[in-house]
Amino acid sequence: MFSHPFPNAFGIDISDLSIKIVQLRNASRTRKGTSYEVMKFRSIELPPGLIVNGKIQEPEKVRKYIKHLLRGRPGEEKKIKGLWCVASLPETQSFIKVITLPKPPEDITEEDIITIAKKHIPFDEEDSFFDWQLIPNQKTTDEPKTNILIAAIPQDIAKNYTFLLESLGLGVISLEVESLAIARSLITAKKEYINEARAILDLGATHSSLIIHDNNLIQFSISLPYSGELITTALSQRLQIERSEAEKKKKKYGLFYSKLDKQGKKAWSIIAEQTNTLIKDIEKALKFYYSHFPNSHKITKIILCGGASNMKRLDTVLSEKLKIECIHGHPWKNLAYHKKINITKQKSTGYATSIGLALRAADNPFFKQDVI
């Protein structure tokens, strides 16, 4: 056991249509290995328009929702007492990539990193925050080189999330790009993938992304024009029905074609069309990865997460079309927690980001430097 400098710290995932909180306690013991106890987890939905594409439009209204979530439902949930948090930054507003410098780590200066980062970061340097970390290399040649993981985000985005949380009396331990948190919960902690890579397909309510994990770290991530809301909108417009009805049909039919009535076949056709576009975008992204990233390995499994990944037969269709095994992720697996968690597997996939944030929050940052 250890004394945590940020007691009761928790992870908070703030997205366009929901907020999720997970609080863990590091229950590790030297002889029994690393383990985490689930203290609290909860979520709340947001109405459309408060946060749009990762940008906070109505901070005071979002603040009230977070306050309500922290307080808990009267008579049902206890208040979250932690005053420290690790929060997510929206994937759509972030940038993350591994770059390589032809120098050994001991010869690299901060100026070297800043110079090369300017060539890769798609934001104005003066208006952005960026961070980096040197990655241990697996020596494959005699030539000196060092891999560096860099992440960047516009300053106004980072400041808005920080100010929002601080206005609630919370201390922000760190802000983290979504893809890092997702990988921390879904990639097996030991990361023993010999000569193979993993992809994570995060399908959310308003946006989706493909994350490539290879050579023991995230190589890159890319946003995809696919989401639960996009499918609902397509069904609503093309079937000329209310959004609430479209949402019901999406959940009822999904990509399950057998024994459908006329309405079901129309809905299936629309969903299948959107899914085929997703498949083509994934194929393009994988082709880009294999051709542009040296020392890349074959992706042997795609891990699904996010609420939209629960659509009927989506995992089966993706597996068949991509010729890669696609499975739903288990975001609680790295906790080594043996007690039953009162949540369904379907709902768990939507907690991948917040669990990853909570894992970082539960560790002492002065003792552990975490890279996925």
Protein backbone atom coordinates (compact mmCIF):
# COMPACT_ATOMS: atom_id res chain seq x y z
CA MET A 1 0.00 0.00 0.00
CA PHE A 2 1.12 3.60 -0.43
CA SER A 3 0.16 7.10 0.60
CA HIS A 4 -1.49 8.80 -2.39
CA PRO A 5 -0.69 12.53 -2.77
CA PHE A 6 -4.14 13.03 -4.34
CA PRO A 7 -6.51 11.00 -2.12
CA ASN A 8 -9.78 9.76 -3.63
CA ALA A 9 -8.81 11.02 -7.09
CA PHE A 10 -11.18 9.91 -9.84
CA GLY A 11 -11.49 9.88 -13.63
CA ILE A 12 -14.07 12.03 -15.41
CA ASP A 13 -14.96 11.62 -19.07
CA ILE A 14 -16.78 14.67 -20.46
CA SER A 15 -18.20 14.05 -23.93
CA ASP A 16 -20.78 15.73 -26.15
CA LEU A 17 -23.81 13.85 -24.83
CA SER A 18 -22.74 12.36 -21.51
CA ILE A 19 -20.47 12.61 -18.49
CA LYS A 20 -19.03 9.52 -16.79
CA ILE A 21 -17.12 9.26 -13.52
CA VAL A 22 -15.16 6.27 -12.21
CA GLN A 23 -13.38 6.25 -8.86
CA LEU A 24 -10.91 3.47 -8.04
CA ARG A 25 -8.73 2.69 -5.03
CA ASN A 26 -5.29 1.24 -5.53
CA ALA A 27 -5.41 -1.92 -3.41
CA SER A 28 -2.08 -3.29 -4.62
CA ARG A 29 0.06 -5.42 -2.39
CA THR A 30 3.66 -6.25 -3.20
CA ARG A 31 3.21 -10.02 -3.10
CA LYS A 32 -0.17 -10.17 -4.81
CA GLY A 33 0.54 -7.70 -7.60
CA THR A 34 -1.38 -4.68 -8.83
CA SER A 35 -5.11 -4.43 -8.18
CA TYR A 36 -7.75 -1.72 -7.99
CA GLU A 37 -11.00 -1.64 -6.06
CA VAL A 38 -14.07 -0.06 -7.66
CA MET A 39 -15.35 2.64 -5.33
CA LYS A 40 -17.91 4.44 -7.50
CA PHE A 41 -18.99 4.70 -11.11
CA ARG A 42 -21.87 6.68 -12.53
CA SER A 43 -22.98 8.62 -15.59
CA ILE A 44 -25.43 11.26 -16.70
CA GLU A 45 -26.73 12.19 -20.14
CA LEU A 46 -26.41 15.70 -21.54
CA PRO A 47 -28.94 17.36 -23.85
CA PRO A 48 -27.62 18.19 -27.33
CA GLY A 49 -25.94 21.56 -27.77
CA LEU A 50 -24.17 21.97 -24.43
CA ILE A 51 -20.97 20.48 -25.85
CA VAL A 52 -20.53 20.31 -29.62
CA ASN A 53 -17.64 18.45 -31.26
CA GLY A 54 -15.70 18.62 -28.01
CA LYS A 55 -16.16 22.37 -27.57
CA ILE A 56 -18.03 23.52 -24.46
CA GLN A 57 -20.84 25.84 -25.59
CA GLU A 58 -22.79 26.18 -22.32
CA PRO A 59 -20.25 25.88 -19.47
CA GLU A 60 -22.62 26.87 -16.67
CA LYS A 61 -25.19 24.25 -17.69
CA VAL A 62 -22.49 21.57 -18.03
CA ARG A 63 -21.21 22.60 -14.59
CA LYS A 64 -24.65 21.91 -13.06
CA TYR A 65 -24.71 18.42 -14.57
CA ILE A 66 -21.26 17.59 -13.20
CA LYS A 67 -22.25 18.95 -9.79
CA HIS A 68 -25.37 16.75 -9.82
CA LEU A 69 -23.27 13.73 -10.78
CA LEU A 70 -20.76 14.35 -7.99
CA ARG A 71 -23.52 14.79 -5.43
CA GLY A 72 -25.32 11.61 -6.49
CA ARG A 73 -28.98 10.72 -6.51
CA PRO A 74 -30.54 11.35 -3.06
CA GLY A 75 -31.11 8.13 -1.19
CA GLU A 76 -29.41 6.03 -3.89
CA GLU A 77 -25.84 7.22 -4.30
CA LYS A 78 -23.23 8.63 -1.96
CA LYS A 79 -21.43 11.86 -2.70
CA ILE A 80 -18.06 11.58 -4.40
CA LYS A 81 -15.73 13.17 -1.87
CA GLY A 82 -12.58 13.29 -3.97
CA LEU A 83 -11.21 16.75 -4.77
CA TRP A 84 -8.78 15.64 -7.49
CA CYS A 85 -9.47 14.29 -10.96
CA VAL A 86 -7.93 13.16 -14.22
CA ALA A 87 -10.11 14.40 -17.09
CA SER A 88 -10.36 13.55 -20.75
CA LEU A 89 -9.70 15.87 -23.66
CA PRO A 90 -11.90 15.39 -26.74
CA GLU A 91 -10.33 13.19 -29.40
CA THR A 92 -11.76 15.41 -32.13
CA GLN A 93 -9.78 18.39 -30.82
CA SER A 94 -6.56 16.53 -29.98
CA PHE A 95 -3.49 15.25 -31.77
CA ILE A 96 -1.26 12.33 -30.81
CA LYS A 97 1.56 10.69 -32.71
CA VAL A 98 4.86 8.86 -32.30
CA ILE A 99 7.82 10.58 -33.97
CA THR A 100 11.41 9.42 -34.27
CA LEU A 101 14.65 11.36 -33.79
CA PRO A 102 17.95 9.93 -35.12
CA LYS A 103 19.66 10.44 -31.75
CA PRO A 104 20.11 8.41 -28.58
CA PRO A 105 17.90 9.57 -25.66
CA GLU A 106 20.79 11.08 -23.71
CA ASP A 107 21.60 13.49 -26.57
CA ILE A 108 18.04 14.80 -27.11
CA THR A 109 17.27 18.31 -25.90
CA GLU A 110 13.94 20.03 -25.40
CA GLU A 111 14.72 22.23 -28.39
CA ASP A 112 15.12 19.12 -30.59
CA ILE A 113 11.65 17.94 -29.61
CA ILE A 114 10.02 21.34 -30.10
CA THR A 115 11.60 21.69 -33.55
CA ILE A 116 10.40 18.32 -34.84
CA ALA A 117 6.99 18.64 -33.15
CA LYS A 118 6.32 21.85 -35.12
CA LYS A 119 6.52 19.81 -38.32
CA HIS A 120 3.82 17.40 -37.17
CA ILE A 121 1.37 19.27 -34.94
CA PRO A 122 -1.61 20.56 -36.98
CA PHE A 123 -2.19 23.55 -34.65
CA ASP A 124 -0.57 26.95 -34.33
CA GLU A 125 2.33 26.57 -31.89
CA GLU A 126 1.55 29.76 -29.97
CA ASP A 127 -2.09 28.75 -29.45
CA SER A 128 -1.46 25.14 -28.44
CA PHE A 129 -0.32 23.07 -25.50
CA PHE A 130 1.79 20.05 -26.29
CA ASP A 131 3.52 17.43 -24.20
CA TRP A 132 5.88 14.56 -24.95
CA GLN A 133 7.55 11.53 -23.49
CA LEU A 134 10.57 9.54 -24.58
CA ILE A 135 9.74 5.91 -25.35
CA PRO A 136 12.18 3.06 -24.70
CA ASN A 137 13.22 1.59 -28.05
CA GLN A 138 13.51 -2.03 -29.00
CA LYS A 139 16.92 -2.01 -30.65
CA THR A 140 16.60 -3.40 -34.18
CA THR A 141 19.60 -1.68 -35.83
CA ASP A 142 22.93 -0.19 -34.84
CA GLU A 143 21.75 3.30 -35.80
CA PRO A 144 20.89 5.52 -32.82
CA LYS A 145 17.25 6.61 -32.67
CA THR A 146 14.62 7.53 -30.11
CA ASN A 147 10.85 7.33 -30.35
CA ILE A 148 8.89 10.20 -28.81
CA LEU A 149 5.18 10.25 -28.07
CA ILE A 150 3.81 13.75 -28.60
CA ALA A 151 0.31 15.04 -27.85
CA ALA A 152 -1.17 18.46 -28.53
CA ILE A 153 -4.42 20.38 -28.10
CA PRO A 154 -5.51 24.01 -28.70
CA GLN A 155 -5.01 26.10 -25.57
CA ASP A 156 -8.60 27.37 -25.48
CA ILE A 157 -9.97 23.80 -25.37
CA ALA A 158 -7.67 22.76 -22.54
CA LYS A 159 -8.31 25.95 -20.56
CA ASN A 160 -12.09 25.65 -20.90
CA TYR A 161 -12.08 22.11 -19.47
CA THR A 162 -9.69 23.13 -16.69
CA PHE A 163 -11.71 26.22 -15.71
CA LEU A 164 -14.92 24.19 -15.75
CA LEU A 165 -13.56 21.61 -13.31
CA GLU A 166 -11.80 24.15 -11.09
CA SER A 167 -15.06 26.12 -10.79
CA LEU A 168 -16.41 23.04 -8.99
CA GLY A 169 -13.56 23.10 -6.50
CA LEU A 170 -11.74 20.21 -8.21
CA GLY A 171 -8.00 20.02 -8.69
CA VAL A 172 -6.98 18.74 -12.11
CA ILE A 173 -4.08 16.29 -11.83
CA SER A 174 -3.89 16.00 -15.60
CA LEU A 175 -5.82 16.31 -18.82
CA GLU A 176 -5.47 13.31 -21.09
CA VAL A 177 -6.28 12.59 -24.71
CA GLU A 178 -9.13 10.06 -24.96
CA SER A 179 -7.14 7.49 -26.94
CA LEU A 180 -4.56 7.13 -24.16
CA ALA A 181 -7.23 6.50 -21.54
CA ILE A 182 -9.10 4.03 -23.76
CA ALA A 183 -5.94 2.03 -24.46
CA ARG A 184 -5.09 1.92 -20.75
CA SER A 185 -8.36 0.14 -20.00
CA LEU A 186 -8.61 -2.10 -23.07
CA ILE A 187 -5.04 -3.10 -23.86
CA THR A 188 -3.91 -5.94 -21.60
CA ALA A 189 -1.70 -4.43 -18.90
CA LYS A 190 1.29 -6.68 -19.61
CA LYS A 191 1.04 -5.79 -23.33
CA GLU A 192 2.69 -9.03 -24.37
CA TYR A 193 1.86 -8.90 -28.07
CA ILE A 194 4.72 -10.58 -29.92
CA ASN A 195 4.88 -9.62 -33.60
CA GLU A 196 1.27 -8.47 -33.66
CA ALA A 197 -0.68 -5.27 -33.18
CA ARG A 198 -4.08 -4.29 -31.82
CA ALA A 199 -6.61 -1.75 -33.05
CA ILE A 200 -9.28 -0.17 -30.89
CA LEU A 201 -12.48 0.97 -32.59
CA ASP A 202 -14.24 3.49 -30.37
CA LEU A 203 -17.78 4.05 -31.66
CA GLY A 204 -19.48 6.80 -29.71
CA ALA A 205 -22.70 8.76 -29.77
CA THR A 206 -21.30 11.72 -31.72
CA HIS A 207 -17.88 10.65 -32.97
CA SER A 208 -15.73 7.59 -33.53
CA SER A 209 -12.04 6.87 -33.78
CA LEU A 210 -9.60 4.11 -34.69
CA ILE A 211 -6.59 3.73 -32.39
CA ILE A 212 -3.56 1.63 -33.38
CA HIS A 213 -1.51 0.03 -30.60
CA ASP A 214 1.73 -1.54 -31.78
CA ASN A 215 5.24 -2.04 -30.41
CA ASN A 216 3.87 -1.49 -26.89
CA LEU A 217 2.40 1.98 -27.43
CA ILE A 218 -0.18 3.95 -29.39
CA GLN A 219 1.19 4.72 -32.84
CA PHE A 220 -1.62 6.96 -34.04
CA SER A 221 -5.37 7.53 -33.94
CA ILE A 222 -7.78 8.82 -36.55
CA SER A 223 -11.33 10.15 -36.35
CA LEU A 224 -14.00 8.38 -38.39
CA PRO A 225 -17.26 9.88 -39.75
CA TYR A 226 -19.50 7.37 -38.00
CA SER A 227 -21.56 7.58 -34.80
CA GLY A 228 -24.75 6.46 -33.13
CA GLU A 229 -26.31 9.89 -33.73
CA LEU A 230 -25.38 9.79 -37.42
CA ILE A 231 -27.26 6.51 -37.89
CA THR A 232 -30.26 7.76 -35.92
CA THR A 233 -30.41 10.92 -38.06
CA ALA A 234 -30.17 8.91 -41.29
CA LEU A 235 -33.03 6.65 -40.19
CA SER A 236 -35.15 9.60 -39.10
CA GLN A 237 -34.71 11.53 -42.33
CA ARG A 238 -34.97 8.71 -44.84
CA LEU A 239 -37.84 6.88 -43.14
CA GLN A 240 -39.49 10.21 -42.26
CA ILE A 241 -40.01 9.29 -38.63
CA GLU A 242 -39.34 11.01 -35.30
CA ARG A 243 -35.83 10.69 -33.84
CA SER A 244 -37.16 8.76 -30.85
CA GLU A 245 -38.69 6.20 -33.21
CA ALA A 246 -35.51 6.06 -35.28
CA GLU A 247 -33.49 5.34 -32.14
CA LYS A 248 -35.82 2.45 -31.27
CA LYS A 249 -35.47 0.94 -34.75
CA LYS A 250 -31.69 1.23 -34.62
CA LYS A 251 -31.61 -0.72 -31.36
CA LYS A 252 -34.25 -3.22 -32.48
CA TYR A 253 -32.87 -4.13 -35.93
CA GLY A 254 -29.21 -3.15 -36.09
CA LEU A 255 -27.51 -5.31 -38.73
CA PHE A 256 -29.72 -8.34 -38.05
CA TYR A 257 -31.43 -9.14 -41.36
CA SER A 258 -33.17 -12.49 -40.82
CA LYS A 259 -37.00 -12.50 -40.75
CA LEU A 260 -37.39 -8.72 -40.97
CA ASP A 261 -40.64 -7.05 -41.92
CA LYS A 262 -40.77 -4.34 -44.61
CA GLN A 263 -39.91 -1.53 -42.19
CA GLY A 264 -37.11 -3.60 -40.70
CA LYS A 265 -35.55 -4.22 -44.11
CA LYS A 266 -35.62 -0.50 -44.90
CA ALA A 267 -33.93 0.29 -41.58
CA TRP A 268 -31.37 -2.47 -42.11
CA SER A 269 -30.53 -1.11 -45.56
CA ILE A 270 -29.80 2.36 -44.17
CA ILE A 271 -27.71 1.05 -41.27
CA ALA A 272 -25.82 -1.32 -43.60
CA GLU A 273 -25.01 1.56 -45.94
CA GLN A 274 -23.54 3.62 -43.10
CA THR A 275 -21.62 0.60 -41.83
CA ASN A 276 -20.14 -0.13 -45.26
CA THR A 277 -18.79 3.42 -45.31
CA LEU A 278 -17.25 2.81 -41.89
CA ILE A 279 -15.61 -0.38 -43.17
CA LYS A 280 -14.08 1.43 -46.15
CA ASP A 281 -12.71 4.15 -43.86
CA ILE A 282 -11.18 1.52 -41.56
CA GLU A 283 -9.57 -0.24 -44.54
CA LYS A 284 -8.06 3.07 -45.71
CA ALA A 285 -6.72 3.80 -42.23
CA LEU A 286 -5.14 0.35 -41.90
CA LYS A 287 -3.58 0.63 -45.36
CA PHE A 288 -2.14 4.01 -44.39
CA TYR A 289 -0.72 2.59 -41.18
CA TYR A 290 0.99 -0.35 -42.85
CA SER A 291 2.52 1.85 -45.57
CA HIS A 292 3.61 4.85 -43.47
CA PHE A 293 4.77 3.35 -40.17
CA PRO A 294 8.06 1.46 -40.16
CA ASN A 295 8.30 -1.73 -38.09
CA SER A 296 4.51 -2.07 -38.07
CA HIS A 297 3.02 -5.47 -37.27
CA LYS A 298 -0.13 -7.09 -38.55
CA ILE A 299 -3.27 -6.13 -36.65
CA THR A 300 -4.71 -9.43 -35.50
CA LYS A 301 -7.63 -8.16 -33.43
CA ILE A 302 -9.88 -5.09 -33.33
CA ILE A 303 -11.35 -4.24 -29.92
CA LEU A 304 -14.74 -2.51 -29.94
CA CYS A 305 -15.87 0.02 -27.35
CA GLY A 306 -18.27 2.95 -27.06
CA GLY A 307 -22.06 2.85 -26.85
CA ALA A 308 -22.58 2.58 -30.63
CA SER A 309 -20.49 -0.61 -30.74
CA ASN A 310 -23.36 -2.54 -29.14
CA MET A 311 -25.48 -2.48 -32.29
CA LYS A 312 -26.75 -5.96 -33.19
CA ARG A 313 -24.34 -8.06 -35.31
CA LEU A 314 -21.93 -5.15 -35.81
CA ASP A 315 -19.00 -7.17 -34.44
CA THR A 316 -19.85 -10.10 -36.74
CA VAL A 317 -20.22 -7.94 -39.85
CA LEU A 318 -16.96 -6.09 -39.19
CA SER A 319 -15.12 -9.38 -38.65
CA GLU A 320 -16.45 -10.81 -41.90
CA LYS A 321 -15.78 -7.72 -44.03
CA LEU A 322 -12.38 -6.74 -42.59
CA LYS A 323 -11.09 -10.32 -42.23
CA ILE A 324 -9.91 -9.41 -38.73
CA GLU A 325 -11.44 -10.68 -35.51
CA CYS A 326 -13.54 -7.89 -33.98
CA ILE A 327 -14.59 -8.33 -30.35
CA HIS A 328 -16.15 -6.20 -27.65
CA GLY A 329 -13.61 -4.96 -25.14
CA HIS A 330 -13.57 -5.62 -21.40
CA PRO A 331 -12.59 -2.24 -19.90
CA TRP A 332 -12.53 -3.55 -16.30
CA LYS A 333 -10.00 -6.30 -17.00
CA ASN A 334 -6.87 -4.44 -15.88
CA LEU A 335 -8.24 -3.81 -12.40
CA ALA A 336 -7.56 -7.39 -11.22
CA TYR A 337 -10.76 -6.87 -9.22
CA HIS A 338 -12.52 -10.12 -8.35
CA LYS A 339 -15.79 -8.84 -6.94
CA LYS A 340 -18.82 -8.59 -9.22
CA ILE A 341 -19.36 -5.14 -10.72
CA ASN A 342 -23.04 -4.30 -11.01
CA ILE A 343 -23.10 -3.26 -14.67
CA THR A 344 -23.88 -5.05 -17.93
CA LYS A 345 -21.21 -5.81 -20.52
CA GLN A 346 -23.03 -3.57 -22.99
CA LYS A 347 -22.93 -0.55 -20.68
CA SER A 348 -19.35 -1.28 -19.66
CA THR A 349 -18.06 -0.59 -23.18
CA GLY A 350 -19.14 3.04 -22.79
CA TYR A 351 -17.00 3.39 -19.66
CA ALA A 352 -13.67 2.56 -21.36
CA THR A 353 -12.40 6.16 -21.31
CA SER A 354 -13.44 6.92 -17.72
CA ILE A 355 -11.96 3.64 -16.45
CA GLY A 356 -8.67 4.45 -18.15
CA LEU A 357 -8.68 7.90 -16.56
CA ALA A 358 -9.50 6.40 -13.16
CA LEU A 359 -6.59 3.94 -13.43
CA ARG A 360 -4.22 6.85 -13.86
CA ALA A 361 -5.91 8.81 -11.06
CA ALA A 362 -5.49 5.87 -8.67
CA ASP A 363 -1.72 5.66 -9.22
CA ASN A 364 0.84 7.85 -7.48
CA PRO A 365 2.18 10.05 -10.33
CA PHE A 366 5.41 10.66 -8.41
CA PHE A 367 6.20 6.95 -8.44
CA LYS A 368 4.74 5.83 -11.74
CA GLN A 369 5.06 7.30 -15.22
CA ASP A 370 2.40 5.74 -17.38
CA VAL A 371 2.70 5.35 -21.14
CA ILE A 372 0.38 3.22 -23.24
